Structures are given as C-alpha cells and as structure tokens.
C-alpha atoms as a PDB file:
ATOM      1  CA  UNK A   1      46.259 -70.299  13.325  1.00  0.00           C
ATOM      2  CA  UNK A   2      42.737 -69.075  14.187  1.00  0.00           C
ATOM      3  CA  UNK A   3      40.719 -68.052  11.343  1.00  0.00           C
ATOM      4  CA  UNK A   4      40.911 -63.973  10.649  1.00  0.00           C
ATOM      5  CA  UNK A   5      37.653 -62.220  11.717  1.00  0.00           C
ATOM      6  CA  UNK A   6      36.620 -58.670  11.138  1.00  0.00           C
ATOM      7  CA  UNK A   7      34.201 -56.759  13.242  1.00  0.00           C
ATOM      8  CA  UNK A   8      32.710 -53.269  12.791  1.00  0.00           C
ATOM      9  CA  UNK A   9      32.028 -51.090  15.714  1.00  0.00           C
ATOM     10  CA  UNK A  10      28.103 -49.879  15.848  1.00  0.00           C
ATOM     11  CA  UNK A  11      29.152 -46.315  16.103  1.00  0.00           C
ATOM     12  CA  UNK A  12      31.146 -46.616  12.827  1.00  0.00           C
ATOM     13  CA  UNK A  13      28.283 -48.108  11.369  1.00  0.00           C
ATOM     14  CA  UNK A  14      26.174 -45.228  12.548  1.00  0.00           C
ATOM     15  CA  UNK A  15      28.630 -42.304  11.241  1.00  0.00           C
ATOM     16  CA  UNK A  16      28.521 -44.130   8.038  1.00  0.00           C
ATOM     17  CA  UNK A  17      24.975 -44.119   7.618  1.00  0.00           C
ATOM     18  CA  UNK A  18      24.524 -40.618   8.955  1.00  0.00           C
ATOM     19  CA  UNK A  19      27.241 -39.379   6.335  1.00  0.00           C
ATOM     20  CA  UNK A  20      25.527 -41.279   3.329  1.00  0.00           C
ATOM     21  CA  UNK A  21      22.107 -39.751   4.380  1.00  0.00           C
ATOM     22  CA  UNK A  22      23.098 -36.399   4.103  1.00  0.00           C
ATOM     23  CA  UNK A  23      24.763 -36.689   0.698  1.00  0.00           C
ATOM     24  CA  UNK A  24      28.263 -35.872  -0.377  1.00  0.00           C
ATOM     25  CA  UNK A  25      29.330 -32.116  -1.034  1.00  0.00           C
ATOM     26  CA  UNK A  26      29.919 -31.143  -4.738  1.00  0.00           C
ATOM     27  CA  UNK A  27      33.185 -30.085  -5.435  1.00  0.00           C
ATOM     28  CA  UNK A  28      34.847 -28.934  -8.727  1.00  0.00           C
ATOM     29  CA  UNK A  29      37.322 -26.319 -10.050  1.00  0.00           C
ATOM     30  CA  UNK A  30      37.110 -23.510 -12.523  1.00  0.00           C
ATOM     31  CA  UNK A  31      40.544 -22.179 -14.693  1.00  0.00           C
ATOM     32  CA  UNK A  32      40.829 -19.149 -16.341  1.00  0.00           C
ATOM     33  CA  UNK A  33      43.730 -17.408 -18.347  1.00  0.00           C
ATOM     34  CA  UNK A  34      44.438 -13.989 -19.006  1.00  0.00           C
ATOM     35  CA  UNK A  35      47.015 -12.321 -20.971  1.00  0.00           C
ATOM     36  CA  UNK A  36      47.198  -9.034 -18.764  1.00  0.00           C
ATOM     37  CA  UNK A  37      47.674  -9.975 -15.208  1.00  0.00           C
ATOM     38  CA  UNK A  38      47.296 -12.460 -12.681  1.00  0.00           C
ATOM     39  CA  UNK A  39      44.328 -10.935 -10.620  1.00  0.00           C
ATOM     40  CA  UNK A  40      42.492 -10.654 -13.768  1.00  0.00           C
ATOM     41  CA  UNK A  41      42.825 -14.515 -14.337  1.00  0.00           C
ATOM     42  CA  UNK A  42      41.744 -15.057 -10.781  1.00  0.00           C
ATOM     43  CA  UNK A  43      38.763 -12.889 -10.886  1.00  0.00           C
ATOM     44  CA  UNK A  44      37.592 -14.483 -14.045  1.00  0.00           C
ATOM     45  CA  UNK A  45      37.886 -18.020 -12.447  1.00  0.00           C
ATOM     46  CA  UNK A  46      36.223 -16.726  -9.163  1.00  0.00           C
ATOM     47  CA  UNK A  47      33.107 -15.408 -10.977  1.00  0.00           C
ATOM     48  CA  UNK A  48      32.216 -18.743 -12.445  1.00  0.00           C
ATOM     49  CA  UNK A  49      31.980 -20.320  -9.029  1.00  0.00           C
ATOM     50  CA  UNK A  50      28.607 -21.414  -8.661  1.00  0.00           C
ATOM     51  CA  UNK A  51      26.464 -19.554  -6.340  1.00  0.00           C
ATOM     52  CA  UNK A  52      26.488 -20.997  -2.711  1.00  0.00           C
ATOM     53  CA  UNK A  53      29.842 -22.624  -3.150  1.00  0.00           C
ATOM     54  CA  UNK A  54      32.470 -21.835  -0.887  1.00  0.00           C
ATOM     55  CA  UNK A  55      36.069 -21.431  -2.288  1.00  0.00           C
ATOM     56  CA  UNK A  56      38.457 -23.726  -0.598  1.00  0.00           C
ATOM     57  CA  UNK A  57      42.063 -23.098  -2.622  1.00  0.00           C
ATOM     58  CA  UNK A  58      43.464 -21.108  -5.513  1.00  0.00           C
ATOM     59  CA  UNK A  59      46.469 -21.273  -7.565  1.00  0.00           C
ATOM     60  CA  UNK A  60      48.006 -19.275 -10.160  1.00  0.00           C
ATOM     61  CA  UNK A  61      50.837 -19.967 -12.501  1.00  0.00           C
ATOM     62  CA  UNK A  62      52.834 -17.984 -14.924  1.00  0.00           C
ATOM     63  CA  UNK A  63      53.381 -19.478 -18.426  1.00  0.00           C
ATOM     64  CA  UNK A  64      55.843 -18.126 -20.720  1.00  0.00           C
ATOM     65  CA  UNK A  65      54.307 -18.423 -24.485  1.00  0.00           C
ATOM     66  CA  UNK A  66      57.685 -16.944 -25.929  1.00  0.00           C
ATOM     67  CA  UNK A  67      59.205 -13.682 -26.590  1.00  0.00           C
ATOM     68  CA  UNK A  68      58.756 -12.535 -23.368  1.00  0.00           C
ATOM     69  CA  UNK A  69      55.103 -12.992 -23.370  1.00  0.00           C
ATOM     70  CA  UNK A  70      53.469 -14.450 -20.093  1.00  0.00           C
ATOM     71  CA  UNK A  71      50.203 -15.862 -19.920  1.00  0.00           C
ATOM     72  CA  UNK A  72      48.649 -16.132 -16.280  1.00  0.00           C
ATOM     73  CA  UNK A  73      46.359 -19.000 -15.325  1.00  0.00           C
ATOM     74  CA  UNK A  74      44.440 -19.582 -12.017  1.00  0.00           C
ATOM     75  CA  UNK A  75      42.358 -22.534 -10.898  1.00  0.00           C
ATOM     76  CA  UNK A  76      39.996 -21.747  -8.035  1.00  0.00           C
ATOM     77  CA  UNK A  77      38.969 -25.118  -6.160  1.00  0.00           C
ATOM     78  CA  UNK A  78      35.108 -24.947  -4.570  1.00  0.00           C
ATOM     79  CA  UNK A  79      32.439 -27.217  -2.531  1.00  0.00           C
ATOM     80  CA  UNK A  80      29.003 -27.179  -2.538  1.00  0.00           C
ATOM     81  CA  UNK A  81      27.008 -28.204   0.325  1.00  0.00           C
ATOM     82  CA  UNK A  82      24.962 -31.438   0.011  1.00  0.00           C
ATOM     83  CA  UNK A  83      21.595 -31.099  -1.783  1.00  0.00           C
ATOM     84  CA  UNK A  84      19.031 -31.940   0.994  1.00  0.00           C
ATOM     85  CA  UNK A  85      15.439 -33.047   0.037  1.00  0.00           C
ATOM     86  CA  UNK A  86      12.729 -30.675   1.519  1.00  0.00           C
ATOM     87  CA  UNK A  87      10.581 -31.525   3.942  1.00  0.00           C
ATOM     88  CA  UNK A  88       7.221 -31.947   3.408  1.00  0.00           C
ATOM     89  CA  UNK A  89       4.715 -30.055   5.036  1.00  0.00           C
ATOM     90  CA  UNK A  90       2.663 -31.569   7.772  1.00  0.00           C
ATOM     91  CA  UNK A  91      -1.041 -32.417   6.906  1.00  0.00           C
ATOM     92  CA  UNK A  92      -3.603 -30.315   9.216  1.00  0.00           C
ATOM     93  CA  UNK A  93      -5.226 -32.926  11.764  1.00  0.00           C
ATOM     94  CA  UNK A  94      -9.088 -32.624  11.788  1.00  0.00           C
ATOM     95  CA  UNK A  95     -10.465 -31.143  14.917  1.00  0.00           C
ATOM     96  CA  UNK A  96     -12.449 -33.468  16.948  1.00  0.00           C
ATOM     97  CA  UNK A  97     -16.207 -33.158  16.330  1.00  0.00           C
ATOM     98  CA  UNK A  98     -15.552 -32.030  13.137  1.00  0.00           C
ATOM     99  CA  UNK A  99     -18.041 -33.326  10.445  1.00  0.00           C
ATOM    100  CA  UNK A 100     -16.465 -35.944   8.235  1.00  0.00           C
ATOM    101  CA  UNK A 101     -15.312 -35.325   4.726  1.00  0.00           C
ATOM    102  CA  UNK A 102     -17.787 -35.262   2.011  1.00  0.00           C
ATOM    103  CA  UNK A 103     -18.280 -38.951   0.400  1.00  0.00           C
ATOM    104  CA  UNK A 104     -16.863 -40.694   3.401  1.00  0.00           C
ATOM    105  CA  UNK A 105     -18.903 -42.567   6.250  1.00  0.00           C
ATOM    106  CA  UNK A 106     -18.454 -42.455   9.869  1.00  0.00           C
ATOM    107  CA  UNK A 107     -20.117 -45.548  10.559  1.00  0.00           C
ATOM    108  CA  UNK A 108     -17.720 -48.787  10.471  1.00  0.00           C
ATOM    109  CA  UNK A 109     -18.077 -51.241   8.129  1.00  0.00           C
ATOM    110  CA  UNK A 110     -20.595 -49.244   5.818  1.00  0.00           C
END
C-alpha cells in the first residue's frame, strides 16, 4: 500500500494567509431581562451592543416565574469588524537640489 500523502493547494494557503492578516471579526452577545414586556427586554439588550457592531440575531423567550408572572429574556448576537492597524503616513521625499539636513554630510566617506 503506498504511503498516504497530503498536499495543500497554493490558493488555499493564500486565502488562509489573507484571512489571518485581516484578523478575525469579533463576536459577542448581550442578554437583558424585563418584567414588563418582550419589546423592552429586546431594546435593553440592543442598547448595550457596542458601537459599530452589526446585530446578526435576536431571540426572546418568556420565563414563567410563578403565580402567572412572566419575565422576558432577550439575547442579541452581534459581530464587529476586525481591527485593522492604521497605515503610517508616507514620509515626504527631499526635492532634488535641496540642501542637506543640518549635521549631515553630502560627501561620501566623510
């Protein structure tokens, strides 16, 4: 029986490298309760989602706490875009024919 060999297609390696370079999207969830109504519980949870995040799913449930009392619990799931490091500003090039910076020498080897 021949030995088992595996190989990875170069395009897969490139895609993996690009996805890791961008960084993973951050995900999370917020849960809030309300004794009044489902809409209030949902609104409370949505107000706690971080700024700039995208809400991907919501789910609400009724929880009976006895004696015909109901509590509402809503969970909101969200994702945030990956953090990208800012690109440094380019340094201005010295125009041709301009004077050298103070303390520098324009003759080689000096």
